[in-house]
Each structure stands twice: as structure tokens, then as C-alpha cells.
PDB file of N, CA and C in Angstrom:
ATOM      1  N   UNK A   1      28.358 -57.432   4.061  1.00  0.00           N
ATOM      2  CA  UNK A   1      29.135 -57.120   4.639  1.00  0.00           C
ATOM      3  C   UNK A   1      30.698 -56.948   4.377  1.00  0.00           C
ATOM      4  N   UNK A   2      31.573 -58.068   3.527  1.00  0.00           N
ATOM      5  CA  UNK A   2      33.231 -57.677   3.721  1.00  0.00           C
ATOM      6  C   UNK A   2      33.257 -56.818   2.352  1.00  0.00           C
ATOM      7  N   UNK A   3      32.201 -56.748   1.654  1.00  0.00           N
ATOM      8  CA  UNK A   3      32.520 -55.997   0.240  1.00  0.00           C
ATOM      9  C   UNK A   3      32.610 -54.491   0.938  1.00  0.00           C
ATOM     10  N   UNK A   4      31.469 -54.245   1.885  1.00  0.00           N
ATOM     11  CA  UNK A   4      31.508 -52.730   2.697  1.00  0.00           C
ATOM     12  C   UNK A   4      32.991 -52.371   3.392  1.00  0.00           C
ATOM     13  N   UNK A   5      33.917 -53.377   3.774  1.00  0.00           N
ATOM     14  CA  UNK A   5      34.778 -52.980   5.149  1.00  0.00           C
ATOM     15  C   UNK A   5      36.150 -53.554   3.736  1.00  0.00           C
ATOM     16  N   UNK A   6      35.697 -54.186   2.229  1.00  0.00           N
ATOM     17  CA  UNK A   6      36.313 -53.686   1.417  1.00  0.00           C
ATOM     18  C   UNK A   6      36.646 -52.474   1.030  1.00  0.00           C
ATOM     19  N   UNK A   7      35.519 -51.319   0.954  1.00  0.00           N
ATOM     20  CA  UNK A   7      35.124 -50.164   0.272  1.00  0.00           C
ATOM     21  C   UNK A   7      35.890 -49.392   1.398  1.00  0.00           C
ATOM     22  N   UNK A   8      35.490 -49.907   2.668  1.00  0.00           N
ATOM     23  CA  UNK A   8      35.890 -48.913   3.888  1.00  0.00           C
ATOM     24  C   UNK A   8      37.269 -48.836   3.875  1.00  0.00           C
ATOM     25  N   UNK A   9      38.465 -50.066   3.774  1.00  0.00           N
ATOM     26  CA  UNK A   9      38.924 -49.882   3.399  1.00  0.00           C
ATOM     27  C   UNK A   9      40.224 -49.205   2.047  1.00  0.00           C
ATOM     28  N   UNK A  10      39.914 -49.583   0.760  1.00  0.00           N
ATOM     29  CA  UNK A  10      40.234 -48.734   0.025  1.00  0.00           C
ATOM     30  C   UNK A  10      40.079 -47.138   0.140  1.00  0.00           C
ATOM     31  N   UNK A  11      38.715 -46.418   0.858  1.00  0.00           N
ATOM     32  CA  UNK A  11      38.580 -45.350   0.919  1.00  0.00           C
ATOM     33  C   UNK A  11      39.315 -44.944   1.673  1.00  0.00           C
ATOM     34  N   UNK A  12      40.257 -45.385   3.150  1.00  0.00           N
ATOM     35  CA  UNK A  12      40.982 -44.995   3.814  1.00  0.00           C
ATOM     36  C   UNK A  12      42.058 -45.122   3.098  1.00  0.00           C
ATOM     37  N   UNK A  13      42.498 -45.895   2.912  1.00  0.00           N
ATOM     38  CA  UNK A  13      43.841 -46.021   2.124  1.00  0.00           C
ATOM     39  C   UNK A  13      44.397 -44.795   1.268  1.00  0.00           C
ATOM     40  N   UNK A  14      43.067 -44.518   0.266  1.00  0.00           N
ATOM     41  CA  UNK A  14      42.985 -43.178  -0.592  1.00  0.00           C
ATOM     42  C   UNK A  14      43.082 -41.657  -0.205  1.00  0.00           C
ATOM     43  N   UNK A  15      42.367 -41.727   0.643  1.00  0.00           N
ATOM     44  CA  UNK A  15      42.148 -40.580   1.429  1.00  0.00           C
ATOM     45  C   UNK A  15      43.602 -40.233   2.141  1.00  0.00           C
ATOM     46  N   UNK A  16      44.075 -41.628   3.045  1.00  0.00           N
ATOM     47  CA  UNK A  16      45.754 -40.885   3.625  1.00  0.00           C
ATOM     48  C   UNK A  16      46.449 -40.775   2.272  1.00  0.00           C
ATOM     49  N   UNK A  17      46.700 -41.691   1.367  1.00  0.00           N
ATOM     50  CA  UNK A  17      47.529 -40.789   0.197  1.00  0.00           C
ATOM     51  C   UNK A  17      47.216 -39.416  -0.357  1.00  0.00           C
ATOM     52  N   UNK A  18      46.033 -39.253  -0.318  1.00  0.00           N
ATOM     53  CA  UNK A  18      46.144 -37.817  -0.731  1.00  0.00           C
ATOM     54  C   UNK A  18      46.196 -36.891   0.023  1.00  0.00           C
ATOM     55  N   UNK A  19      45.996 -37.460   1.282  1.00  0.00           N
ATOM     56  CA  UNK A  19      46.518 -36.046   2.540  1.00  0.00           C
ATOM     57  C   UNK A  19      47.797 -36.168   2.654  1.00  0.00           C
ATOM     58  N   UNK A  20      48.504 -37.672   2.755  1.00  0.00           N
ATOM     59  CA  UNK A  20      50.065 -37.272   2.926  1.00  0.00           C
ATOM     60  C   UNK A  20      50.561 -36.561   1.435  1.00  0.00           C
ATOM     61  N   UNK A  21      50.304 -37.075   0.239  1.00  0.00           N
ATOM     62  CA  UNK A  21      50.498 -36.016  -0.718  1.00  0.00           C
ATOM     63  C   UNK A  21      50.582 -34.356  -0.379  1.00  0.00           C
ATOM     64  N   UNK A  22      48.835 -34.155  -0.169  1.00  0.00           N
ATOM     65  CA  UNK A  22      49.332 -32.634   0.324  1.00  0.00           C
ATOM     66  C   UNK A  22      50.092 -32.164   1.232  1.00  0.00           C
ATOM     67  N   UNK A  23      50.706 -32.990   2.405  1.00  0.00           N
ATOM     68  CA  UNK A  23      51.228 -33.040   3.318  1.00  0.00           C
ATOM     69  C   UNK A  23      52.911 -32.144   2.885  1.00  0.00           C
ATOM     70  N   UNK A  24      53.117 -33.470   1.882  1.00  0.00           N
ATOM     71  CA  UNK A  24      54.415 -33.256   1.712  1.00  0.00           C
ATOM     72  C   UNK A  24      54.486 -32.152   0.334  1.00  0.00           C
ATOM     73  N   UNK A  25      53.525 -31.531  -0.144  1.00  0.00           N
ATOM     74  CA  UNK A  25      53.675 -30.477  -0.821  1.00  0.00           C
ATOM     75  C   UNK A  25      53.943 -29.510   0.073  1.00  0.00           C
ATOM     76  N   UNK A  26      53.268 -29.315   0.928  1.00  0.00           N
ATOM     77  CA  UNK A  26      53.211 -28.213   1.785  1.00  0.00           C
ATOM     78  C   UNK A  26      54.544 -27.831   1.996  1.00  0.00           C
ATOM     79  N   UNK A  27      54.866 -29.596   3.012  1.00  0.00           N
ATOM     80  CA  UNK A  27      56.226 -28.711   3.211  1.00  0.00           C
ATOM     81  C   UNK A  27      57.644 -28.828   2.642  1.00  0.00           C
ATOM     82  N   UNK A  28      57.373 -28.953   1.249  1.00  0.00           N
ATOM     83  CA  UNK A  28      58.820 -28.765   0.234  1.00  0.00           C
ATOM     84  C   UNK A  28      58.245 -27.511  -0.429  1.00  0.00           C
ATOM     85  N   UNK A  29      56.792 -27.024  -0.798  1.00  0.00           N
ATOM     86  CA  UNK A  29      56.652 -25.459  -1.627  1.00  0.00           C
ATOM     87  C   UNK A  29      56.413 -24.319  -0.352  1.00  0.00           C
ATOM     88  N   UNK A  30      56.058 -24.975   1.036  1.00  0.00           N
ATOM     89  CA  UNK A  30      56.067 -23.323   1.513  1.00  0.00           C
ATOM     90  C   UNK A  30      57.278 -23.129   2.518  1.00  0.00           C
ATOM     91  N   UNK A  31      58.252 -21.769   2.066  1.00  0.00           N
ATOM     92  CA  UNK A  31      59.032 -21.248   2.830  1.00  0.00           C
ATOM     93  C   UNK A  31      59.171 -20.854   4.342  1.00  0.00           C
ATOM     94  N   UNK A  32      59.342 -21.994   5.693  1.00  0.00           N
ATOM     95  CA  UNK A  32      59.434 -21.232   7.055  1.00  0.00           C
ATOM     96  C   UNK A  32      59.776 -19.952   7.124  1.00  0.00           C
ATOM     97  N   UNK A  33      59.667 -19.280   8.121  1.00  0.00           N
ATOM     98  CA  UNK A  33      59.501 -18.063   8.257  1.00  0.00           C
ATOM     99  C   UNK A  33      61.057 -17.629   8.543  1.00  0.00           C
ATOM    100  N   UNK A  34      62.064 -18.418   9.027  1.00  0.00           N
ATOM    101  CA  UNK A  34      63.188 -18.005   8.751  1.00  0.00           C
ATOM    102  C   UNK A  34      64.202 -17.648   7.744  1.00  0.00           C
ATOM    103  N   UNK A  35      63.322 -18.791   6.204  1.00  0.00           N
ATOM    104  CA  UNK A  35      64.018 -18.800   4.800  1.00  0.00           C
ATOM    105  C   UNK A  35      62.858 -17.452   4.506  1.00  0.00           C
ATOM    106  N   UNK A  36      61.563 -17.205   4.479  1.00  0.00           N
ATOM    107  CA  UNK A  36      61.262 -16.081   3.711  1.00  0.00           C
ATOM    108  C   UNK A  36      62.005 -14.298   4.492  1.00  0.00           C
ATOM    109  N   UNK A  37      62.260 -14.444   5.506  1.00  0.00           N
ATOM    110  CA  UNK A  37      63.095 -13.415   6.195  1.00  0.00           C
ATOM    111  C   UNK A  37      64.428 -13.315   5.491  1.00  0.00           C
ATOM    112  N   UNK A  38      64.881 -14.474   5.379  1.00  0.00           N
ATOM    113  CA  UNK A  38      66.668 -14.248   4.951  1.00  0.00           C
ATOM    114  C   UNK A  38      66.289 -13.606   3.273  1.00  0.00           C
ATOM    115  N   UNK A  39      65.276 -14.339   2.357  1.00  0.00           N
ATOM    116  CA  UNK A  39      64.862 -14.545   0.974  1.00  0.00           C
ATOM    117  C   UNK A  39      64.857 -12.974   0.784  1.00  0.00           C
ATOM    118  N   UNK A  40      63.990 -12.361   1.932  1.00  0.00           N
ATOM    119  CA  UNK A  40      63.723 -10.831   2.297  1.00  0.00           C
ATOM    120  C   UNK A  40      64.842 -10.016   2.081  1.00  0.00           C
ATOM    121  N   UNK A  41      65.608 -10.734   3.049  1.00  0.00           N
ATOM    122  CA  UNK A  41      66.784  -9.659   3.307  1.00  0.00           C
ATOM    123  C   UNK A  41      66.992  -9.456   2.086  1.00  0.00           C
ATOM    124  N   UNK A  42      67.696 -10.751   1.172  1.00  0.00           N
ATOM    125  CA  UNK A  42      68.417 -10.572   0.032  1.00  0.00           C
ATOM    126  C   UNK A  42      68.016  -9.644  -1.010  1.00  0.00           C
ATOM    127  N   UNK A  43      66.326  -9.817  -0.925  1.00  0.00           N
ATOM    128  CA  UNK A  43      66.029  -8.867  -2.401  1.00  0.00           C
ATOM    129  C   UNK A  43      66.265  -7.720  -1.568  1.00  0.00           C
ATOM    130  N   UNK A  44      66.816  -7.280  -0.433  1.00  0.00           N
ATOM    131  CA  UNK A  44      66.470  -5.821  -0.424  1.00  0.00           C
ATOM    132  C   UNK A  44      64.867  -5.279   0.250  1.00  0.00           C
ATOM    133  N   UNK A  45      64.132  -5.876   0.725  1.00  0.00           N
ATOM    134  CA  UNK A  45      62.768  -5.440   0.612  1.00  0.00           C
ATOM    135  C   UNK A  45      62.424  -5.505   1.975  1.00  0.00           C
ATOM    136  N   UNK A  46      63.667  -6.315   3.003  1.00  0.00           N
ATOM    137  CA  UNK A  46      63.544  -5.690   4.585  1.00  0.00           C
ATOM    138  C   UNK A  46      64.659  -5.462   5.094  1.00  0.00           C
ATOM    139  N   UNK A  47      64.671  -4.921   5.921  1.00  0.00           N
ATOM    140  CA  UNK A  47      65.952  -4.322   6.579  1.00  0.00           C
ATOM    141  C   UNK A  47      66.072  -4.662   8.305  1.00  0.00           C
ATOM    142  N   UNK A  48      66.307  -4.652   8.767  1.00  0.00           N
ATOM    143  CA  UNK A  48      66.439  -4.865  10.244  1.00  0.00           C
ATOM    144  C   UNK A  48      65.898  -3.929  10.931  1.00  0.00           C
ATOM    145  N   UNK A  49      65.698  -2.789  10.744  1.00  0.00           N
ATOM    146  CA  UNK A  49      65.036  -1.009  10.975  1.00  0.00           C
ATOM    147  C   UNK A  49      63.011  -1.937  10.769  1.00  0.00           C
ATOM    148  N   UNK A  50      63.051  -2.342   9.332  1.00  0.00           N
ATOM    149  CA  UNK A  50      61.409  -2.413   9.355  1.00  0.00           C
ATOM    150  C   UNK A  50      61.289  -3.909  10.448  1.00  0.00           C
ATOM    151  N   UNK A  51      62.073  -4.623  10.034  1.00  0.00           N
ATOM    152  CA  UNK A  51      61.475  -5.929  11.103  1.00  0.00           C
ATOM    153  C   UNK A  51      61.430  -5.723  12.251  1.00  0.00           C
ATOM    154  N   UNK A  52      62.391  -4.621  12.687  1.00  0.00           N
ATOM    155  CA  UNK A  52      62.018  -4.179  14.528  1.00  0.00           C
ATOM    156  C   UNK A  52      61.025  -3.943  14.690  1.00  0.00           C
ATOM    157  N   UNK A  53      60.703  -2.725  13.733  1.00  0.00           N
ATOM    158  CA  UNK A  53      59.343  -1.989  13.396  1.00  0.00           C
ATOM    159  C   UNK A  53      58.203  -2.887  13.945  1.00  0.00           C
ATOM    160  N   UNK A  54      58.029  -3.892  12.802  1.00  0.00           N
ATOM    161  CA  UNK A  54      56.968  -4.756  12.723  1.00  0.00           C
ATOM    162  C   UNK A  54      57.170  -5.505  13.971  1.00  0.00           C
ATOM    163  N   UNK A  55      57.919  -5.833  14.252  1.00  0.00           N
ATOM    164  CA  UNK A  55      58.279  -6.661  16.031  1.00  0.00           C
ATOM    165  C   UNK A  55      57.374  -5.709  17.082  1.00  0.00           C
ATOM    166  N   UNK A  56      57.452  -4.629  16.941  1.00  0.00           N
ATOM    167  CA  UNK A  56      57.216  -3.384  18.027  1.00  0.00           C
ATOM    168  C   UNK A  56      55.965  -3.192  17.882  1.00  0.00           C
ATOM    169  N   UNK A  57      55.381  -3.748  16.868  1.00  0.00           N
ATOM    170  CA  UNK A  57      53.967  -2.896  16.577  1.00  0.00           C
ATOM    171  C   UNK A  57      53.486  -4.043  16.881  1.00  0.00           C
ATOM    172  N   UNK A  58      53.528  -5.340  16.345  1.00  0.00           N
ATOM    173  CA  UNK A  58      52.690  -6.848  16.910  1.00  0.00           C
ATOM    174  C   UNK A  58      52.700  -6.376  18.438  1.00  0.00           C
ATOM    175  N   UNK A  59      53.907  -6.511  18.960  1.00  0.00           N
ATOM    176  CA  UNK A  59      53.869  -6.493  20.813  1.00  0.00           C
ATOM    177  C   UNK A  59      53.256  -5.394  21.084  1.00  0.00           C
ATOM    178  N   UNK A  60      53.220  -4.692  20.437  1.00  0.00           N
ATOM    179  CA  UNK A  60      51.903  -3.171  21.094  1.00  0.00           C
ATOM    180  C   UNK A  60      50.875  -3.512  20.825  1.00  0.00           C
ATOM    181  N   UNK A  61      50.082  -4.189  19.387  1.00  0.00           N
ATOM    182  CA  UNK A  61      48.378  -5.228  19.395  1.00  0.00           C
ATOM    183  C   UNK A  61      48.640  -5.779  20.604  1.00  0.00           C
ATOM    184  N   UNK A  62      49.561  -6.684  21.158  1.00  0.00           N
ATOM    185  CA  UNK A  62      49.392  -8.109  21.955  1.00  0.00           C
ATOM    186  C   UNK A  62      49.010  -7.737  23.238  1.00  0.00           C
ATOM    187  N   UNK A  63      50.295  -6.472  24.048  1.00  0.00           N
ATOM    188  CA  UNK A  63      49.736  -5.666  24.824  1.00  0.00           C
ATOM    189  C   UNK A  63      48.206  -5.462  24.608  1.00  0.00           C
ATOM    190  N   UNK A  64      48.052  -4.643  23.991  1.00  0.00           N
ATOM    191  CA  UNK A  64      46.761  -4.209  23.998  1.00  0.00           C
ATOM    192  C   UNK A  64      45.548  -4.925  24.146  1.00  0.00           C
ATOM    193  N   UNK A  65      45.573  -6.117  23.011  1.00  0.00           N
ATOM    194  CA  UNK A  65      44.470  -7.333  23.339  1.00  0.00           C
ATOM    195  C   UNK A  65      44.713  -7.602  24.329  1.00  0.00           C
ATOM    196  N   UNK A  66      45.370  -8.250  25.170  1.00  0.00           N
ATOM    197  CA  UNK A  66      45.700  -8.492  26.573  1.00  0.00           C
ATOM    198  C   UNK A  66      45.120  -7.533  27.562  1.00  0.00           C
ATOM    199  N   UNK A  67      45.267  -6.359  27.390  1.00  0.00           N
ATOM    200  CA  UNK A  67      44.837  -5.555  28.554  1.00  0.00           C
ATOM    201  C   UNK A  67      43.023  -5.283  28.640  1.00  0.00           C
ATOM    202  N   UNK A  68      42.534  -5.227  27.159  1.00  0.00           N
ATOM    203  CA  UNK A  68      41.441  -5.002  26.925  1.00  0.00           C
ATOM    204  C   UNK A  68      40.811  -6.554  27.083  1.00  0.00           C
ATOM    205  N   UNK A  69      41.199  -7.565  27.034  1.00  0.00           N
ATOM    206  CA  UNK A  69      40.412  -8.954  27.291  1.00  0.00           C
ATOM    207  C   UNK A  69      40.757  -9.184  28.950  1.00  0.00           C
ATOM    208  N   UNK A  70      41.238  -8.214  29.325  1.00  0.00           N
ATOM    209  CA  UNK A  70      40.550  -8.827  31.014  1.00  0.00           C
ATOM    210  C   UNK A  70      40.544  -7.326  31.608  1.00  0.00           C
ATOM    211  N   UNK A  71      39.578  -6.795  30.788  1.00  0.00           N
ATOM    212  CA  UNK A  71      38.698  -5.588  31.422  1.00  0.00           C
ATOM    213  C   UNK A  71      37.293  -5.716  31.235  1.00  0.00           C
ATOM    214  N   UNK A  72      36.704  -4.931  31.393  1.00  0.00           N
ATOM    215  CA  UNK A  72      34.837  -5.863  31.433  1.00  0.00           C
ATOM    216  C   UNK A  72      34.559  -4.606  30.653  1.00  0.00           C
ATOM    217  N   UNK A  73      35.304  -4.170  29.081  1.00  0.00           N
ATOM    218  CA  UNK A  73      34.810  -3.628  28.405  1.00  0.00           C
ATOM    219  C   UNK A  73      34.398  -4.154  27.152  1.00  0.00           C
ATOM    220  N   UNK A  74      33.151  -4.131  26.340  1.00  0.00           N
ATOM    221  CA  UNK A  74      33.279  -5.046  25.063  1.00  0.00           C
ATOM    222  C   UNK A  74      34.263  -4.708  23.949  1.00  0.00           C
ATOM    223  N   UNK A  75      34.106  -5.808  23.364  1.00  0.00           N
ATOM    224  CA  UNK A  75      35.148  -6.089  22.326  1.00  0.00           C
ATOM    225  C   UNK A  75      35.481  -5.087  21.328  1.00  0.00           C
ATOM    226  N   UNK A  76      34.262  -4.166  20.820  1.00  0.00           N
ATOM    227  CA  UNK A  76      34.111  -3.072  20.239  1.00  0.00           C
ATOM    228  C   UNK A  76      34.872  -2.027  20.414  1.00  0.00           C
ATOM    229  N   UNK A  77      35.138  -2.094  22.002  1.00  0.00           N
ATOM    230  CA  UNK A  77      35.519  -0.455  22.437  1.00  0.00           C
ATOM    231  C   UNK A  77      37.023  -0.909  22.877  1.00  0.00           C
ATOM    232  N   UNK A  78      37.477  -1.560  21.894  1.00  0.00           N
ATOM    233  CA  UNK A  78      38.933  -1.477  22.324  1.00  0.00           C
ATOM    234  C   UNK A  78      39.995  -0.494  22.049  1.00  0.00           C
ATOM    235  N   UNK A  79      40.856  -0.070  22.994  1.00  0.00           N
ATOM    236  CA  UNK A  79      41.685   1.220  22.882  1.00  0.00           C
ATOM    237  C   UNK A  79      43.074   0.818  22.822  1.00  0.00           C
ATOM    238  N   UNK A  80      43.727   1.443  21.144  1.00  0.00           N
ATOM    239  CA  UNK A  80      45.020   1.682  21.156  1.00  0.00           C
ATOM    240  C   UNK A  80      45.095   2.725  21.415  1.00  0.00           C
ATOM    241  N   UNK A  81      46.663   2.309  21.622  1.00  0.00           N
ATOM    242  CA  UNK A  81      47.379   3.725  21.954  1.00  0.00           C
ATOM    243  C   UNK A  81      46.993   4.629  20.988  1.00  0.00           C
ATOM    244  N   UNK A  82      47.549   6.018  21.377  1.00  0.00           N
ATOM    245  CA  UNK A  82      46.837   6.912  19.921  1.00  0.00           C
ATOM    246  C   UNK A  82      48.388   6.906  19.003  1.00  0.00           C
ATOM    247  N   UNK A  83      49.704   6.601  19.416  1.00  0.00           N
ATOM    248  CA  UNK A  83      50.565   6.498  18.368  1.00  0.00           C
ATOM    249  C   UNK A  83      50.536   5.533  17.496  1.00  0.00           C
ATOM    250  N   UNK A  84      49.768   4.798  17.946  1.00  0.00           N
ATOM    251  CA  UNK A  84      49.234   3.277  16.773  1.00  0.00           C
ATOM    252  C   UNK A  84      47.910   3.307  15.950  1.00  0.00           C
ATOM    253  N   UNK A  85      47.137   4.033  16.068  1.00  0.00           N
ATOM    254  CA  UNK A  85      46.064   5.015  15.683  1.00  0.00           C
ATOM    255  C   UNK A  85      46.784   5.635  14.658  1.00  0.00           C
ATOM    256  N   UNK A  86      47.509   7.044  14.786  1.00  0.00           N
ATOM    257  CA  UNK A  86      48.289   7.683  14.204  1.00  0.00           C
ATOM    258  C   UNK A  86      49.082   7.206  12.919  1.00  0.00           C
ATOM    259  N   UNK A  87      50.084   6.071  13.556  1.00  0.00           N
ATOM    260  CA  UNK A  87      50.379   5.539  12.386  1.00  0.00           C
ATOM    261  C   UNK A  87      49.520   4.607  11.404  1.00  0.00           C
ATOM    262  N   UNK A  88      48.585   4.087  12.116  1.00  0.00           N
ATOM    263  CA  UNK A  88      47.488   3.715  10.953  1.00  0.00           C
ATOM    264  C   UNK A  88      46.912   4.090  10.343  1.00  0.00           C
ATOM    265  N   UNK A  89      46.683   5.370  10.742  1.00  0.00           N
ATOM    266  CA  UNK A  89      45.769   6.182   9.620  1.00  0.00           C
ATOM    267  C   UNK A  89      46.855   6.869   8.463  1.00  0.00           C
ATOM    268  N   UNK A  90      48.118   7.185   8.934  1.00  0.00           N
ATOM    269  CA  UNK A  90      48.782   7.018   8.093  1.00  0.00           C
ATOM    270  C   UNK A  90      49.479   6.289   7.394  1.00  0.00           C
ATOM    271  N   UNK A  91      49.500   5.149   7.435  1.00  0.00           N
ATOM    272  CA  UNK A  91      50.065   3.972   6.999  1.00  0.00           C
ATOM    273  C   UNK A  91      48.608   4.008   5.121  1.00  0.00           C
ATOM    274  N   UNK A  92      47.482   3.788   6.392  1.00  0.00           N
ATOM    275  CA  UNK A  92      46.223   3.710   5.216  1.00  0.00           C
ATOM    276  C   UNK A  92      45.742   5.022   4.191  1.00  0.00           C
ATOM    277  N   UNK A  93      46.385   5.873   4.537  1.00  0.00           N
ATOM    278  CA  UNK A  93      46.287   7.255   3.852  1.00  0.00           C
ATOM    279  C   UNK A  93      47.466   7.153   2.512  1.00  0.00           C
ATOM    280  N   UNK A  94      48.816   6.762   3.059  1.00  0.00           N
ATOM    281  CA  UNK A  94      49.684   6.309   1.492  1.00  0.00           C
ATOM    282  C   UNK A  94      49.392   5.739   0.883  1.00  0.00           C
ATOM    283  N   UNK A  95      48.883   4.617   1.249  1.00  0.00           N
ATOM    284  CA  UNK A  95      48.869   3.206   0.246  1.00  0.00           C
ATOM    285  C   UNK A  95      47.299   3.534  -0.774  1.00  0.00           C
ATOM    286  N   UNK A  96      46.519   4.629  -0.309  1.00  0.00           N
ATOM    287  CA  UNK A  96      45.511   4.636  -0.623  1.00  0.00           C
ATOM    288  C   UNK A  96      45.670   5.852  -1.800  1.00  0.00           C
TER     289      UNK A  96
END
């Protein structure tokens, strides 16, 4: 019985060390959103216009999902605004 307790304690310590190491690596290697935005702005990949456009699209998607969640329609009949579907089809065509 005491051997089992010793193995359980050692296992708990090892697992805690492994998880703690992973958490530390995560905190030190993955940038947060403000660091990532700053890096993209400095490299010239993102400007205020593209960020505002992305935020507008996210807000539009959120509002559409919330409106459809409150309706009685099934999820596969989600109706996005026409401007969004046209913009999405244009972006698919330009990337293809």
C-alpha cells in the first residue's frame, strides 16, 4: 500500500512539472493579441483600415449568428446578409 502511495505522489509531481513547463513555454513563446497586432503593423501587413474591416466583419458575423440563434430555423439555414456573402465569394475567387 505504501508503495502505491509513493508511486502516486511521484506521478503527480512529474505530471505537475510537465504541465508547468508547458504552461511556461506557452506564456513565453505565444504572443498576445496586442503584441501580434503591433508586430503586424510594424511589418506593414496590417493597417487601420484592414483591422477596422476585420472587426466590422466579425461584428456582422456575430450579429447574424445571434439573430439566427433566436429564430426557429435550423442551423443549416443561416441567412447571412447579401453584402457579406458577396464579399466572401469575391475573397474566395481572388485567393483561388
